[in-house]
Amino acid sequence: MIYGVGIDLVKIERMKDVVDRWGRKFLERVFTQSEISYCYEKKNPYLSLSVRFAAKEALIKAIGSEVTVSLTDIEVINAANGRPDIKISGRLKEFFSERSIKQTALSLSHEKEYGIACVVLEK
């Protein structure tokens, strides 16, 4: 049974501008250390940062306004086969347990100017 669906679109150039302006302060407020390291191993880290930010926003949309969530409680990881997935922690983990949310499905993509993410939550 589907609990919620969320989608978000991020302009990659806007992510670059925010990181250029706020630097480490922004990165550490939004991303886990693992996410930051992964993204900066890439030729263009802003593509990966953008889709990860979109994934976090899409997950928040999928749960609605039922709980306030720290963005660092949502971590985009890659499974052994390369497929993106979401790892949750903190208050969000409690919320998933309370609502019997058992599974997340995540799709990420980027093309030229934009990064997009879609999240489906299943009970």
PDB file of N, CA and C in Angstrom:
ATOM      1  N   MET A   1       0.846  -1.180   0.000  1.00  0.00           N
ATOM      2  CA  MET A   1       0.000   0.000   0.000  1.00  0.00           C
ATOM      3  C   MET A   1       0.891   1.244   0.000  1.00  0.00           C
ATOM      4  N   ILE A   2       0.584   2.184  -0.857  1.00  0.00           N
ATOM      5  CA  ILE A   2       1.374   3.421  -0.943  1.00  0.00           C
ATOM      6  C   ILE A   2       0.947   4.383   0.167  1.00  0.00           C
ATOM      7  N   TYR A   3       1.942   4.876   0.890  1.00  0.00           N
ATOM      8  CA  TYR A   3       1.698   5.865   1.948  1.00  0.00           C
ATOM      9  C   TYR A   3       1.746   7.275   1.374  1.00  0.00           C
ATOM     10  N   GLY A   4       2.725   7.523   0.493  1.00  0.00           N
ATOM     11  CA  GLY A   4       2.869   8.858  -0.078  1.00  0.00           C
ATOM     12  C   GLY A   4       3.825   8.874  -1.249  1.00  0.00           C
ATOM     13  N   VAL A   5       3.667   9.905  -2.082  1.00  0.00           N
ATOM     14  CA  VAL A   5       4.525  10.113  -3.245  1.00  0.00           C
ATOM     15  C   VAL A   5       4.967  11.566  -3.238  1.00  0.00           C
ATOM     16  N   GLY A   6       6.245  11.802  -3.540  1.00  0.00           N
ATOM     17  CA  GLY A   6       6.752  13.164  -3.630  1.00  0.00           C
ATOM     18  C   GLY A   6       7.697  13.297  -4.804  1.00  0.00           C
ATOM     19  N   ILE A   7       7.734  14.482  -5.387  1.00  0.00           N
ATOM     20  CA  ILE A   7       8.640  14.761  -6.497  1.00  0.00           C
ATOM     21  C   ILE A   7       9.184  16.169  -6.317  1.00  0.00           C
ATOM     22  N   ASP A   8      10.433  16.378  -6.727  1.00  0.00           N
ATOM     23  CA  ASP A   8      11.024  17.707  -6.621  1.00  0.00           C
ATOM     24  C   ASP A   8      12.005  17.923  -7.763  1.00  0.00           C
ATOM     25  N   LEU A   9      12.079  19.148  -8.208  1.00  0.00           N
ATOM     26  CA  LEU A   9      12.935  19.572  -9.310  1.00  0.00           C
ATOM     27  C   LEU A   9      13.860  20.672  -8.807  1.00  0.00           C
ATOM     28  N   VAL A  10      15.158  20.566  -9.103  1.00  0.00           N
ATOM     29  CA  VAL A  10      16.137  21.557  -8.647  1.00  0.00           C
ATOM     30  C   VAL A  10      16.950  22.039  -9.833  1.00  0.00           C
ATOM     31  N   LYS A  11      17.123  23.349  -9.931  1.00  0.00           N
ATOM     32  CA  LYS A  11      17.979  23.907 -10.968  1.00  0.00           C
ATOM     33  C   LYS A  11      19.433  23.767 -10.502  1.00  0.00           C
ATOM     34  N   ILE A  12      20.235  23.087 -11.282  1.00  0.00           N
ATOM     35  CA  ILE A  12      21.613  22.769 -10.897  1.00  0.00           C
ATOM     36  C   ILE A  12      22.433  24.035 -10.671  1.00  0.00           C
ATOM     37  N   GLU A  13      22.257  25.036 -11.503  1.00  0.00           N
ATOM     38  CA  GLU A  13      23.002  26.297 -11.359  1.00  0.00           C
ATOM     39  C   GLU A  13      22.658  26.984 -10.036  1.00  0.00           C
ATOM     40  N   ARG A  14      21.425  26.855  -9.597  1.00  0.00           N
ATOM     41  CA  ARG A  14      21.026  27.443  -8.314  1.00  0.00           C
ATOM     42  C   ARG A  14      21.752  26.750  -7.159  1.00  0.00           C
ATOM     43  N   MET A  15      21.901  25.426  -7.247  1.00  0.00           N
ATOM     44  CA  MET A  15      22.647  24.693  -6.217  1.00  0.00           C
ATOM     45  C   MET A  15      24.090  25.190  -6.177  1.00  0.00           C
ATOM     46  N   LYS A  16      24.692  25.362  -7.345  1.00  0.00           N
ATOM     47  CA  LYS A  16      26.070  25.861  -7.407  1.00  0.00           C
ATOM     48  C   LYS A  16      26.170  27.239  -6.756  1.00  0.00           C
ATOM     49  N   ASP A  17      25.218  28.115  -7.060  1.00  0.00           N
ATOM     50  CA  ASP A  17      25.224  29.468  -6.490  1.00  0.00           C
ATOM     51  C   ASP A  17      25.121  29.445  -4.967  1.00  0.00           C
ATOM     52  N   VAL A  18      24.259  28.580  -4.443  1.00  0.00           N
ATOM     53  CA  VAL A  18      24.080  28.487  -2.985  1.00  0.00           C
ATOM     54  C   VAL A  18      25.351  27.954  -2.330  1.00  0.00           C
ATOM     55  N   VAL A  19      25.951  26.930  -2.923  1.00  0.00           N
ATOM     56  CA  VAL A  19      27.188  26.370  -2.365  1.00  0.00           C
ATOM     57  C   VAL A  19      28.316  27.401  -2.457  1.00  0.00           C
ATOM     58  N   ASP A  20      28.412  28.103  -3.568  1.00  0.00           N
ATOM     59  CA  ASP A  20      29.445  29.140  -3.713  1.00  0.00           C
ATOM     60  C   ASP A  20      29.272  30.237  -2.665  1.00  0.00           C
ATOM     61  N   ARG A  21      28.034  30.581  -2.369  1.00  0.00           N
ATOM     62  CA  ARG A  21      27.768  31.664  -1.416  1.00  0.00           C
ATOM     63  C   ARG A  21      27.961  31.223   0.039  1.00  0.00           C
ATOM     64  N   TRP A  22      27.420  30.043   0.417  1.00  0.00           N
ATOM     65  CA  TRP A  22      27.388  29.623   1.807  1.00  0.00           C
ATOM     66  C   TRP A  22      28.399  28.544   2.156  1.00  0.00           C
ATOM     67  N   GLY A  23      28.936  27.872   1.149  1.00  0.00           N
ATOM     68  CA  GLY A  23      30.005  26.903   1.352  1.00  0.00           C
ATOM     69  C   GLY A  23      29.677  25.776   2.307  1.00  0.00           C
ATOM     70  N   ARG A  24      30.642  25.457   3.131  1.00  0.00           N
ATOM     71  CA  ARG A  24      30.564  24.325   4.061  1.00  0.00           C
ATOM     72  C   ARG A  24      29.371  24.437   5.007  1.00  0.00           C
ATOM     73  N   LYS A  25      29.037  25.657   5.414  1.00  0.00           N
ATOM     74  CA  LYS A  25      27.911  25.878   6.327  1.00  0.00           C
ATOM     75  C   LYS A  25      26.618  25.320   5.722  1.00  0.00           C
ATOM     76  N   PHE A  26      26.371  25.605   4.466  1.00  0.00           N
ATOM     77  CA  PHE A  26      25.180  25.073   3.785  1.00  0.00           C
ATOM     78  C   PHE A  26      25.280  23.564   3.624  1.00  0.00           C
ATOM     79  N   LEU A  27      26.415  23.097   3.124  1.00  0.00           N
ATOM     80  CA  LEU A  27      26.583  21.669   2.869  1.00  0.00           C
ATOM     81  C   LEU A  27      26.327  20.841   4.115  1.00  0.00           C
ATOM     82  N   GLU A  28      26.887  21.238   5.244  1.00  0.00           N
ATOM     83  CA  GLU A  28      26.755  20.461   6.474  1.00  0.00           C
ATOM     84  C   GLU A  28      25.372  20.558   7.103  1.00  0.00           C
ATOM     85  N   ARG A  29      24.630  21.584   6.746  1.00  0.00           N
ATOM     86  CA  ARG A  29      23.264  21.728   7.249  1.00  0.00           C
ATOM     87  C   ARG A  29      22.289  20.849   6.468  1.00  0.00           C
ATOM     88  N   VAL A  30      22.628  20.560   5.213  1.00  0.00           N
ATOM     89  CA  VAL A  30      21.709  19.858   4.316  1.00  0.00           C
ATOM     90  C   VAL A  30      22.117  18.416   4.052  1.00  0.00           C
ATOM     91  N   PHE A  31      23.417  18.148   3.969  1.00  0.00           N
ATOM     92  CA  PHE A  31      23.914  16.840   3.545  1.00  0.00           C
ATOM     93  C   PHE A  31      24.727  16.173   4.650  1.00  0.00           C
ATOM     94  N   THR A  32      24.740  14.839   4.633  1.00  0.00           N
ATOM     95  CA  THR A  32      25.608  14.107   5.546  1.00  0.00           C
ATOM     96  C   THR A  32      27.039  14.167   5.010  1.00  0.00           C
ATOM     97  N   GLN A  33      27.986  13.839   5.854  1.00  0.00           N
ATOM     98  CA  GLN A  33      29.384  13.841   5.423  1.00  0.00           C
ATOM     99  C   GLN A  33      29.607  12.839   4.286  1.00  0.00           C
ATOM    100  N   SER A  34      28.943  11.704   4.354  1.00  0.00           N
ATOM    101  CA  SER A  34      29.060  10.701   3.288  1.00  0.00           C
ATOM    102  C   SER A  34      28.546  11.246   1.957  1.00  0.00           C
ATOM    103  N   GLU A  35      27.425  11.973   1.991  1.00  0.00           N
ATOM    104  CA  GLU A  35      26.878  12.558   0.762  1.00  0.00           C
ATOM    105  C   GLU A  35      27.834  13.608   0.186  1.00  0.00           C
ATOM    106  N   ILE A  36      28.380  14.438   1.049  1.00  0.00           N
ATOM    107  CA  ILE A  36      29.309  15.483   0.593  1.00  0.00           C
ATOM    108  C   ILE A  36      30.529  14.832  -0.056  1.00  0.00           C
ATOM    109  N   SER A  37      31.095  13.839   0.605  1.00  0.00           N
ATOM    110  CA  SER A  37      32.274  13.142   0.060  1.00  0.00           C
ATOM    111  C   SER A  37      31.957  12.509  -1.286  1.00  0.00           C
ATOM    112  N   TYR A  38      30.824  11.811  -1.380  1.00  0.00           N
ATOM    113  CA  TYR A  38      30.430  11.158  -2.631  1.00  0.00           C
ATOM    114  C   TYR A  38      30.303  12.182  -3.763  1.00  0.00           C
ATOM    115  N   CYS A  39      29.629  13.268  -3.502  1.00  0.00           N
ATOM    116  CA  CYS A  39      29.384  14.278  -4.542  1.00  0.00           C
ATOM    117  C   CYS A  39      30.678  14.934  -5.010  1.00  0.00           C
ATOM    118  N   TYR A  40      31.587  15.194  -4.080  1.00  0.00           N
ATOM    119  CA  TYR A  40      32.827  15.867  -4.456  1.00  0.00           C
ATOM    120  C   TYR A  40      33.862  14.930  -5.069  1.00  0.00           C
ATOM    121  N   GLU A  41      33.559  13.653  -5.147  1.00  0.00           N
ATOM    122  CA  GLU A  41      34.394  12.727  -5.919  1.00  0.00           C
ATOM    123  C   GLU A  41      34.055  12.803  -7.405  1.00  0.00           C
ATOM    124  N   LYS A  42      32.927  13.429  -7.721  1.00  0.00           N
ATOM    125  CA  LYS A  42      32.454  13.543  -9.101  1.00  0.00           C
ATOM    126  C   LYS A  42      33.102  14.734  -9.802  1.00  0.00           C
ATOM    127  N   LYS A  43      33.145  14.664 -11.125  1.00  0.00           N
ATOM    128  CA  LYS A  43      33.690  15.760 -11.931  1.00  0.00           C
ATOM    129  C   LYS A  43      32.904  17.047 -11.685  1.00  0.00           C
ATOM    130  N   ASN A  44      31.573  16.930 -11.658  1.00  0.00           N
ATOM    131  CA  ASN A  44      30.710  18.073 -11.373  1.00  0.00           C
ATOM    132  C   ASN A  44      29.857  17.733 -10.153  1.00  0.00           C
ATOM    133  N   PRO A  45      30.282  18.140  -8.962  1.00  0.00           N
ATOM    134  CA  PRO A  45      29.558  17.759  -7.740  1.00  0.00           C
ATOM    135  C   PRO A  45      28.145  18.334  -7.674  1.00  0.00           C
ATOM    136  N   TYR A  46      27.878  19.406  -8.401  1.00  0.00           N
ATOM    137  CA  TYR A  46      26.578  20.071  -8.304  1.00  0.00           C
ATOM    138  C   TYR A  46      25.445  19.238  -8.884  1.00  0.00           C
ATOM    139  N   LEU A  47      25.741  18.376  -9.843  1.00  0.00           N
ATOM    140  CA  LEU A  47      24.718  17.466 -10.372  1.00  0.00           C
ATOM    141  C   LEU A  47      24.244  16.540  -9.260  1.00  0.00           C
ATOM    142  N   SER A  48      25.208  15.905  -8.583  1.00  0.00           N
ATOM    143  CA  SER A  48      24.876  14.969  -7.513  1.00  0.00           C
ATOM    144  C   SER A  48      24.265  15.662  -6.303  1.00  0.00           C
ATOM    145  N   LEU A  49      24.773  16.827  -5.948  1.00  0.00           N
ATOM    146  CA  LEU A  49      24.194  17.587  -4.840  1.00  0.00           C
ATOM    147  C   LEU A  49      22.745  17.953  -5.155  1.00  0.00           C
ATOM    148  N   SER A  50      22.482  18.368  -6.372  1.00  0.00           N
ATOM    149  CA  SER A  50      21.138  18.788  -6.769  1.00  0.00           C
ATOM    150  C   SER A  50      20.131  17.655  -6.668  1.00  0.00           C
ATOM    151  N   VAL A  51      20.470  16.487  -7.199  1.00  0.00           N
ATOM    152  CA  VAL A  51      19.497  15.382  -7.142  1.00  0.00           C
ATOM    153  C   VAL A  51      19.318  14.875  -5.715  1.00  0.00           C
ATOM    154  N   ARG A  52      20.352  14.945  -4.903  1.00  0.00           N
ATOM    155  CA  ARG A  52      20.214  14.537  -3.502  1.00  0.00           C
ATOM    156  C   ARG A  52      19.330  15.525  -2.729  1.00  0.00           C
ATOM    157  N   PHE A  53      19.499  16.796  -3.010  1.00  0.00           N
ATOM    158  CA  PHE A  53      18.631  17.787  -2.392  1.00  0.00           C
ATOM    159  C   PHE A  53      17.183  17.564  -2.839  1.00  0.00           C
ATOM    160  N   ALA A  54      16.990  17.314  -4.129  1.00  0.00           N
ATOM    161  CA  ALA A  54      15.647  17.047  -4.658  1.00  0.00           C
ATOM    162  C   ALA A  54      15.041  15.810  -3.990  1.00  0.00           C
ATOM    163  N   ALA A  55      15.857  14.782  -3.742  1.00  0.00           N
ATOM    164  CA  ALA A  55      15.363  13.561  -3.090  1.00  0.00           C
ATOM    165  C   ALA A  55      14.879  13.858  -1.675  1.00  0.00           C
ATOM    166  N   LYS A  56      15.625  14.672  -0.950  1.00  0.00           N
ATOM    167  CA  LYS A  56      15.234  15.027   0.410  1.00  0.00           C
ATOM    168  C   LYS A  56      13.904  15.797   0.407  1.00  0.00           C
ATOM    169  N   GLU A  57      13.785  16.744  -0.505  1.00  0.00           N
ATOM    170  CA  GLU A  57      12.555  17.520  -0.619  1.00  0.00           C
ATOM    171  C   GLU A  57      11.385  16.637  -1.063  1.00  0.00           C
ATOM    172  N   ALA A  58      11.633  15.716  -1.980  1.00  0.00           N
ATOM    173  CA  ALA A  58      10.580  14.807  -2.444  1.00  0.00           C
ATOM    174  C   ALA A  58      10.099  13.914  -1.301  1.00  0.00           C
ATOM    175  N   LEU A  59      11.018  13.438  -0.467  1.00  0.00           N
ATOM    176  CA  LEU A  59      10.617  12.608   0.674  1.00  0.00           C
ATOM    177  C   LEU A  59       9.764  13.421   1.642  1.00  0.00           C
ATOM    178  N   ILE A  60      10.158  14.648   1.893  1.00  0.00           N
ATOM    179  CA  ILE A  60       9.377  15.511   2.793  1.00  0.00           C
ATOM    180  C   ILE A  60       7.973  15.725   2.224  1.00  0.00           C
ATOM    181  N   LYS A  61       7.873  15.894   0.920  1.00  0.00           N
ATOM    182  CA  LYS A  61       6.550  16.034   0.298  1.00  0.00           C
ATOM    183  C   LYS A  61       5.748  14.748   0.423  1.00  0.00           C
ATOM    184  N   ALA A  62       6.410  13.610   0.328  1.00  0.00           N
ATOM    185  CA  ALA A  62       5.723  12.321   0.426  1.00  0.00           C
ATOM    186  C   ALA A  62       5.136  12.082   1.813  1.00  0.00           C
ATOM    187  N   ILE A  63       5.785  12.604   2.869  1.00  0.00           N
ATOM    188  CA  ILE A  63       5.241  12.417   4.221  1.00  0.00           C
ATOM    189  C   ILE A  63       4.259  13.515   4.596  1.00  0.00           C
ATOM    190  N   GLY A  64       4.184  14.566   3.795  1.00  0.00           N
ATOM    191  CA  GLY A  64       3.273  15.664   4.108  1.00  0.00           C
ATOM    192  C   GLY A  64       3.830  16.510   5.240  1.00  0.00           C
ATOM    193  N   SER A  65       2.969  17.232   5.896  1.00  0.00           N
ATOM    194  CA  SER A  65       3.415  18.139   6.965  1.00  0.00           C
ATOM    195  C   SER A  65       3.203  17.520   8.340  1.00  0.00           C
ATOM    196  N   GLU A  66       3.256  16.198   8.406  1.00  0.00           N
ATOM    197  CA  GLU A  66       2.988  15.506   9.667  1.00  0.00           C
ATOM    198  C   GLU A  66       4.132  15.579  10.671  1.00  0.00           C
ATOM    199  N   VAL A  67       5.360  15.833  10.209  1.00  0.00           N
ATOM    200  CA  VAL A  67       6.509  15.846  11.111  1.00  0.00           C
ATOM    201  C   VAL A  67       7.564  16.797  10.545  1.00  0.00           C
ATOM    202  N   THR A  68       8.254  17.497  11.440  1.00  0.00           N
ATOM    203  CA  THR A  68       9.376  18.341  11.026  1.00  0.00           C
ATOM    204  C   THR A  68      10.626  17.479  10.983  1.00  0.00           C
ATOM    205  N   VAL A  69      11.365  17.591   9.900  1.00  0.00           N
ATOM    206  CA  VAL A  69      12.494  16.697   9.661  1.00  0.00           C
ATOM    207  C   VAL A  69      13.763  17.513   9.404  1.00  0.00           C
ATOM    208  N   SER A  70      14.871  17.055   9.966  1.00  0.00           N
ATOM    209  CA  SER A  70      16.174  17.603   9.631  1.00  0.00           C
ATOM    210  C   SER A  70      16.617  16.977   8.308  1.00  0.00           C
ATOM    211  N   LEU A  71      17.118  17.776   7.396  1.00  0.00           N
ATOM    212  CA  LEU A  71      17.544  17.247   6.097  1.00  0.00           C
ATOM    213  C   LEU A  71      18.671  16.228   6.229  1.00  0.00           C
ATOM    214  N   THR A  72      19.459  16.330   7.291  1.00  0.00           N
ATOM    215  CA  THR A  72      20.542  15.355   7.477  1.00  0.00           C
ATOM    216  C   THR A  72      20.033  14.023   8.035  1.00  0.00           C
ATOM    217  N   ASP A  73      18.741  13.954   8.402  1.00  0.00           N
ATOM    218  CA  ASP A  73      18.135  12.674   8.783  1.00  0.00           C
ATOM    219  C   ASP A  73      17.739  11.865   7.555  1.00  0.00           C
ATOM    220  N   ILE A  74      17.891  12.471   6.392  1.00  0.00           N
ATOM    221  CA  ILE A  74      17.611  11.818   5.116  1.00  0.00           C
ATOM    222  C   ILE A  74      18.940  11.732   4.374  1.00  0.00           C
ATOM    223  N   GLU A  75      19.391  10.528   4.097  1.00  0.00           N
ATOM    224  CA  GLU A  75      20.662  10.350   3.396  1.00  0.00           C
ATOM    225  C   GLU A  75      20.437   9.528   2.131  1.00  0.00           C
ATOM    226  N   VAL A  76      20.878  10.071   1.011  1.00  0.00           N
ATOM    227  CA  VAL A  76      20.802   9.329  -0.244  1.00  0.00           C
ATOM    228  C   VAL A  76      22.069   8.490  -0.363  1.00  0.00           C
ATOM    229  N   ILE A  77      21.859   7.199  -0.506  1.00  0.00           N
ATOM    230  CA  ILE A  77      22.971   6.253  -0.617  1.00  0.00           C
ATOM    231  C   ILE A  77      22.838   5.496  -1.932  1.00  0.00           C
ATOM    232  N   ASN A  78      23.859   4.748  -2.271  1.00  0.00           N
ATOM    233  CA  ASN A  78      23.801   3.899  -3.454  1.00  0.00           C
ATOM    234  C   ASN A  78      23.926   2.450  -3.009  1.00  0.00           C
ATOM    235  N   ALA A  79      23.004   1.625  -3.473  1.00  0.00           N
ATOM    236  CA  ALA A  79      23.067   0.179  -3.205  1.00  0.00           C
ATOM    237  C   ALA A  79      24.266  -0.394  -3.951  1.00  0.00           C
ATOM    238  N   ALA A  80      24.616  -1.617  -3.640  1.00  0.00           N
ATOM    239  CA  ALA A  80      25.764  -2.277  -4.274  1.00  0.00           C
ATOM    240  C   ALA A  80      25.636  -2.297  -5.793  1.00  0.00           C
ATOM    241  N   ASN A  81      24.392  -2.369  -6.294  1.00  0.00           N
ATOM    242  CA  ASN A  81      24.180  -2.384  -7.743  1.00  0.00           C
ATOM    243  C   ASN A  81      24.133  -0.975  -8.349  1.00  0.00           C
ATOM    244  N   GLY A  82      24.351   0.063  -7.516  1.00  0.00           N
ATOM    245  CA  GLY A  82      24.374   1.443  -8.003  1.00  0.00           C
ATOM    246  C   GLY A  82      23.047   2.166  -7.895  1.00  0.00           C
ATOM    247  N   ARG A  83      21.988   1.428  -7.602  1.00  0.00           N
ATOM    248  CA  ARG A  83      20.661   2.031  -7.502  1.00  0.00           C
ATOM    249  C   ARG A  83      20.609   2.980  -6.298  1.00  0.00           C
ATOM    250  N   PRO A  84      20.065   4.181  -6.478  1.00  0.00           N
ATOM    251  CA  PRO A  84      19.956   5.099  -5.343  1.00  0.00           C
ATOM    252  C   PRO A  84      18.903   4.624  -4.354  1.00  0.00           C
ATOM    253  N   ASP A  85      19.143   4.905  -3.094  1.00  0.00           N
ATOM    254  CA  ASP A  85      18.219   4.525  -2.037  1.00  0.00           C
ATOM    255  C   ASP A  85      18.279   5.592  -0.949  1.00  0.00           C
ATOM    256  N   ILE A  86      17.376   5.493   0.001  1.00  0.00           N
ATOM    257  CA  ILE A  86      17.314   6.459   1.094  1.00  0.00           C
ATOM    258  C   ILE A  86      17.554   5.741   2.413  1.00  0.00           C
ATOM    259  N   LYS A  87      18.421   6.329   3.216  1.00  0.00           N
ATOM    260  CA  LYS A  87      18.679   5.859   4.575  1.00  0.00           C
ATOM    261  C   LYS A  87      18.154   6.946   5.509  1.00  0.00           C
ATOM    262  N   ILE A  88      17.340   6.550   6.483  1.00  0.00           N
ATOM    263  CA  ILE A  88      16.751   7.535   7.391  1.00  0.00           C
ATOM    264  C   ILE A  88      17.305   7.359   8.802  1.00  0.00           C
ATOM    265  N   SER A  89      17.244   8.439   9.572  1.00  0.00           N
ATOM    266  CA  SER A  89      17.693   8.392  10.961  1.00  0.00           C
ATOM    267  C   SER A  89      16.898   9.413  11.776  1.00  0.00           C
ATOM    268  N   GLY A  90      17.208   9.491  13.056  1.00  0.00           N
ATOM    269  CA  GLY A  90      16.609  10.492  13.933  1.00  0.00           C
ATOM    270  C   GLY A  90      15.098  10.400  14.032  1.00  0.00           C
ATOM    271  N   ARG A  91      14.461  11.538  14.137  1.00  0.00           N
ATOM    272  CA  ARG A  91      13.006  11.623  14.287  1.00  0.00           C
ATOM    273  C   ARG A  91      12.282  10.983  13.102  1.00  0.00           C
ATOM    274  N   LEU A  92      12.861  11.053  11.933  1.00  0.00           N
ATOM    275  CA  LEU A  92      12.232  10.474  10.751  1.00  0.00           C
ATOM    276  C   LEU A  92      12.116   8.957  10.870  1.00  0.00           C
ATOM    277  N   LYS A  93      13.135   8.321  11.448  1.00  0.00           N
ATOM    278  CA  LYS A  93      13.097   6.866  11.646  1.00  0.00           C
ATOM    279  C   LYS A  93      11.949   6.496  12.587  1.00  0.00           C
ATOM    280  N   GLU A  94      11.761   7.275  13.633  1.00  0.00           N
ATOM    281  CA  GLU A  94      10.646   7.058  14.562  1.00  0.00           C
ATOM    282  C   GLU A  94       9.307   7.228  13.840  1.00  0.00           C
ATOM    283  N   PHE A  95       9.213   8.270  13.031  1.00  0.00           N
ATOM    284  CA  PHE A  95       7.989   8.545  12.288  1.00  0.00           C
ATOM    285  C   PHE A  95       7.636   7.388  11.353  1.00  0.00           C
ATOM    286  N   PHE A  96       8.640   6.863  10.631  1.00  0.00           N
ATOM    287  CA  PHE A  96       8.406   5.725   9.739  1.00  0.00           C
ATOM    288  C   PHE A  96       7.882   4.529  10.532  1.00  0.00           C
ATOM    289  N   SER A  97       8.464   4.278  11.687  1.00  0.00           N
ATOM    290  CA  SER A  97       8.036   3.161  12.530  1.00  0.00           C
ATOM    291  C   SER A  97       6.597   3.360  13.005  1.00  0.00           C
ATOM    292  N   GLU A  98       6.275   4.561  13.476  1.00  0.00           N
ATOM    293  CA  GLU A  98       4.928   4.870  13.958  1.00  0.00           C
ATOM    294  C   GLU A  98       3.879   4.701  12.862  1.00  0.00           C
ATOM    295  N   ARG A  99       4.229   5.030  11.632  1.00  0.00           N
ATOM    296  CA  ARG A  99       3.289   4.974  10.501  1.00  0.00           C
ATOM    297  C   ARG A  99       3.396   3.668   9.711  1.00  0.00           C
ATOM    298  N   SER A 100       4.236   2.766  10.168  1.00  0.00           N
ATOM    299  CA  SER A 100       4.455   1.475   9.500  1.00  0.00           C
ATOM    300  C   SER A 100       4.924   1.629   8.054  1.00  0.00           C
ATOM    301  N   ILE A 101       5.739   2.639   7.801  1.00  0.00           N
ATOM    302  CA  ILE A 101       6.328   2.817   6.477  1.00  0.00           C
ATOM    303  C   ILE A 101       7.526   1.889   6.397  1.00  0.00           C
ATOM    304  N   LYS A 102       7.479   0.953   5.502  1.00  0.00           N
ATOM    305  CA  LYS A 102       8.474  -0.112   5.432  1.00  0.00           C
ATOM    306  C   LYS A 102       9.489   0.047   4.314  1.00  0.00           C
ATOM    307  N   GLN A 103       9.118   0.765   3.262  1.00  0.00           N
ATOM    308  CA  GLN A 103       9.979   0.799   2.086  1.00  0.00           C
ATOM    309  C   GLN A 103       9.943   2.169   1.419  1.00  0.00           C
ATOM    310  N   THR A 104      11.098   2.561   0.890  1.00  0.00           N
ATOM    311  CA  THR A 104      11.158   3.763   0.055  1.00  0.00           C
ATOM    312  C   THR A 104      11.645   3.359  -1.329  1.00  0.00           C
ATOM    313  N   ALA A 105      11.086   3.984  -2.322  1.00  0.00           N
ATOM    314  CA  ALA A 105      11.573   3.814  -3.686  1.00  0.00           C
ATOM    315  C   ALA A 105      12.002   5.189  -4.160  1.00  0.00           C
ATOM    316  N   LEU A 106      13.187   5.271  -4.757  1.00  0.00           N
ATOM    317  CA  LEU A 106      13.760   6.543  -5.158  1.00  0.00           C
ATOM    318  C   LEU A 106      14.246   6.469  -6.592  1.00  0.00           C
ATOM    319  N   SER A 107      13.917   7.488  -7.364  1.00  0.00           N
ATOM    320  CA  SER A 107      14.438   7.622  -8.718  1.00  0.00           C
ATOM    321  C   SER A 107      15.038   9.012  -8.854  1.00  0.00           C
ATOM    322  N   LEU A 108      16.251   9.078  -9.393  1.00  0.00           N
ATOM    323  CA  LEU A 108      16.970  10.337  -9.590  1.00  0.00           C
ATOM    324  C   LEU A 108      17.332  10.495 -11.057  1.00  0.00           C
ATOM    325  N   SER A 109      17.338  11.744 -11.525  1.00  0.00           N
ATOM    326  CA  SER A 109      17.780  12.004 -12.884  1.00  0.00           C
ATOM    327  C   SER A 109      18.226  13.461 -12.995  1.00  0.00           C
ATOM    328  N   HIS A 110      19.105  13.719 -13.948  1.00  0.00           N
ATOM    329  CA  HIS A 110      19.469  15.111 -14.245  1.00  0.00           C
ATOM    330  C   HIS A 110      19.728  15.242 -15.730  1.00  0.00           C
ATOM    331  N   GLU A 111      19.440  16.420 -16.230  1.00  0.00           N
ATOM    332  CA  GLU A 111      19.602  16.712 -17.646  1.00  0.00           C
ATOM    333  C   GLU A 111      19.895  18.201 -17.794  1.00  0.00           C
ATOM    334  N   LYS A 112      21.073  18.508 -18.306  1.00  0.00           N
ATOM    335  CA  LYS A 112      21.503  19.887 -18.552  1.00  0.00           C
ATOM    336  C   LYS A 112      21.316  20.784 -17.340  1.00  0.00           C
ATOM    337  N   GLU A 113      20.168  21.453 -17.234  1.00  0.00           N
ATOM    338  CA  GLU A 113      19.970  22.474 -16.205  1.00  0.00           C
ATOM    339  C   GLU A 113      19.308  21.986 -14.919  1.00  0.00           C
ATOM    340  N   TYR A 114      18.676  20.804 -14.943  1.00  0.00           N
ATOM    341  CA  TYR A 114      17.837  20.405 -13.821  1.00  0.00           C
ATOM    342  C   TYR A 114      18.157  19.019 -13.285  1.00  0.00           C
ATOM    343  N   GLY A 115      17.911  18.856 -11.983  1.00  0.00           N
ATOM    344  CA  GLY A 115      17.955  17.561 -11.333  1.00  0.00           C
ATOM    345  C   GLY A 115      16.570  17.290 -10.776  1.00  0.00           C
ATOM    346  N   ILE A 116      16.144  16.038 -10.833  1.00  0.00           N
ATOM    347  CA  ILE A 116      14.800  15.690 -10.377  1.00  0.00           C
ATOM    348  C   ILE A 116      14.864  14.409  -9.552  1.00  0.00           C
ATOM    349  N   ALA A 117      13.947  14.305  -8.597  1.00  0.00           N
ATOM    350  CA  ALA A 117      13.846  13.090  -7.779  1.00  0.00           C
ATOM    351  C   ALA A 117      12.375  12.791  -7.523  1.00  0.00           C
ATOM    352  N   CYS A 118      12.091  11.507  -7.479  1.00  0.00           N
ATOM    353  CA  CYS A 118      10.757  11.023  -7.137  1.00  0.00           C
ATOM    354  C   CYS A 118      10.897   9.988  -6.030  1.00  0.00           C
ATOM    355  N   VAL A 119      10.066  10.110  -5.002  1.00  0.00           N
ATOM    356  CA  VAL A 119      10.083   9.190  -3.869  1.00  0.00           C
ATOM    357  C   VAL A 119       8.684   8.606  -3.683  1.00  0.00           C
ATOM    358  N   VAL A 120       8.633   7.301  -3.498  1.00  0.00           N
ATOM    359  CA  VAL A 120       7.392   6.609  -3.171  1.00  0.00           C
ATOM    360  C   VAL A 120       7.619   5.893  -1.837  1.00  0.00           C
ATOM    361  N   LEU A 121       6.712   6.107  -0.903  1.00  0.00           N
ATOM    362  CA  LEU A 121       6.766   5.467   0.400  1.00  0.00           C
ATOM    363  C   LEU A 121       5.690   4.388   0.456  1.00  0.00           C
ATOM    364  N   GLU A 122       6.079   3.198   0.941  1.00  0.00           N
ATOM    365  CA  GLU A 122       5.148   2.073   1.012  1.00  0.00           C
ATOM    366  C   GLU A 122       5.002   1.580   2.441  1.00  0.00           C
ATOM    367  N   LYS A 123       3.765   1.216   2.782  1.00  0.00           N
ATOM    368  CA  LYS A 123       3.482   0.620   4.095  1.00  0.00           C
ATOM    369  C   LYS A 123       3.636  -0.876   4.011  1.00  0.00           C
TER     370      LYS A 123
END
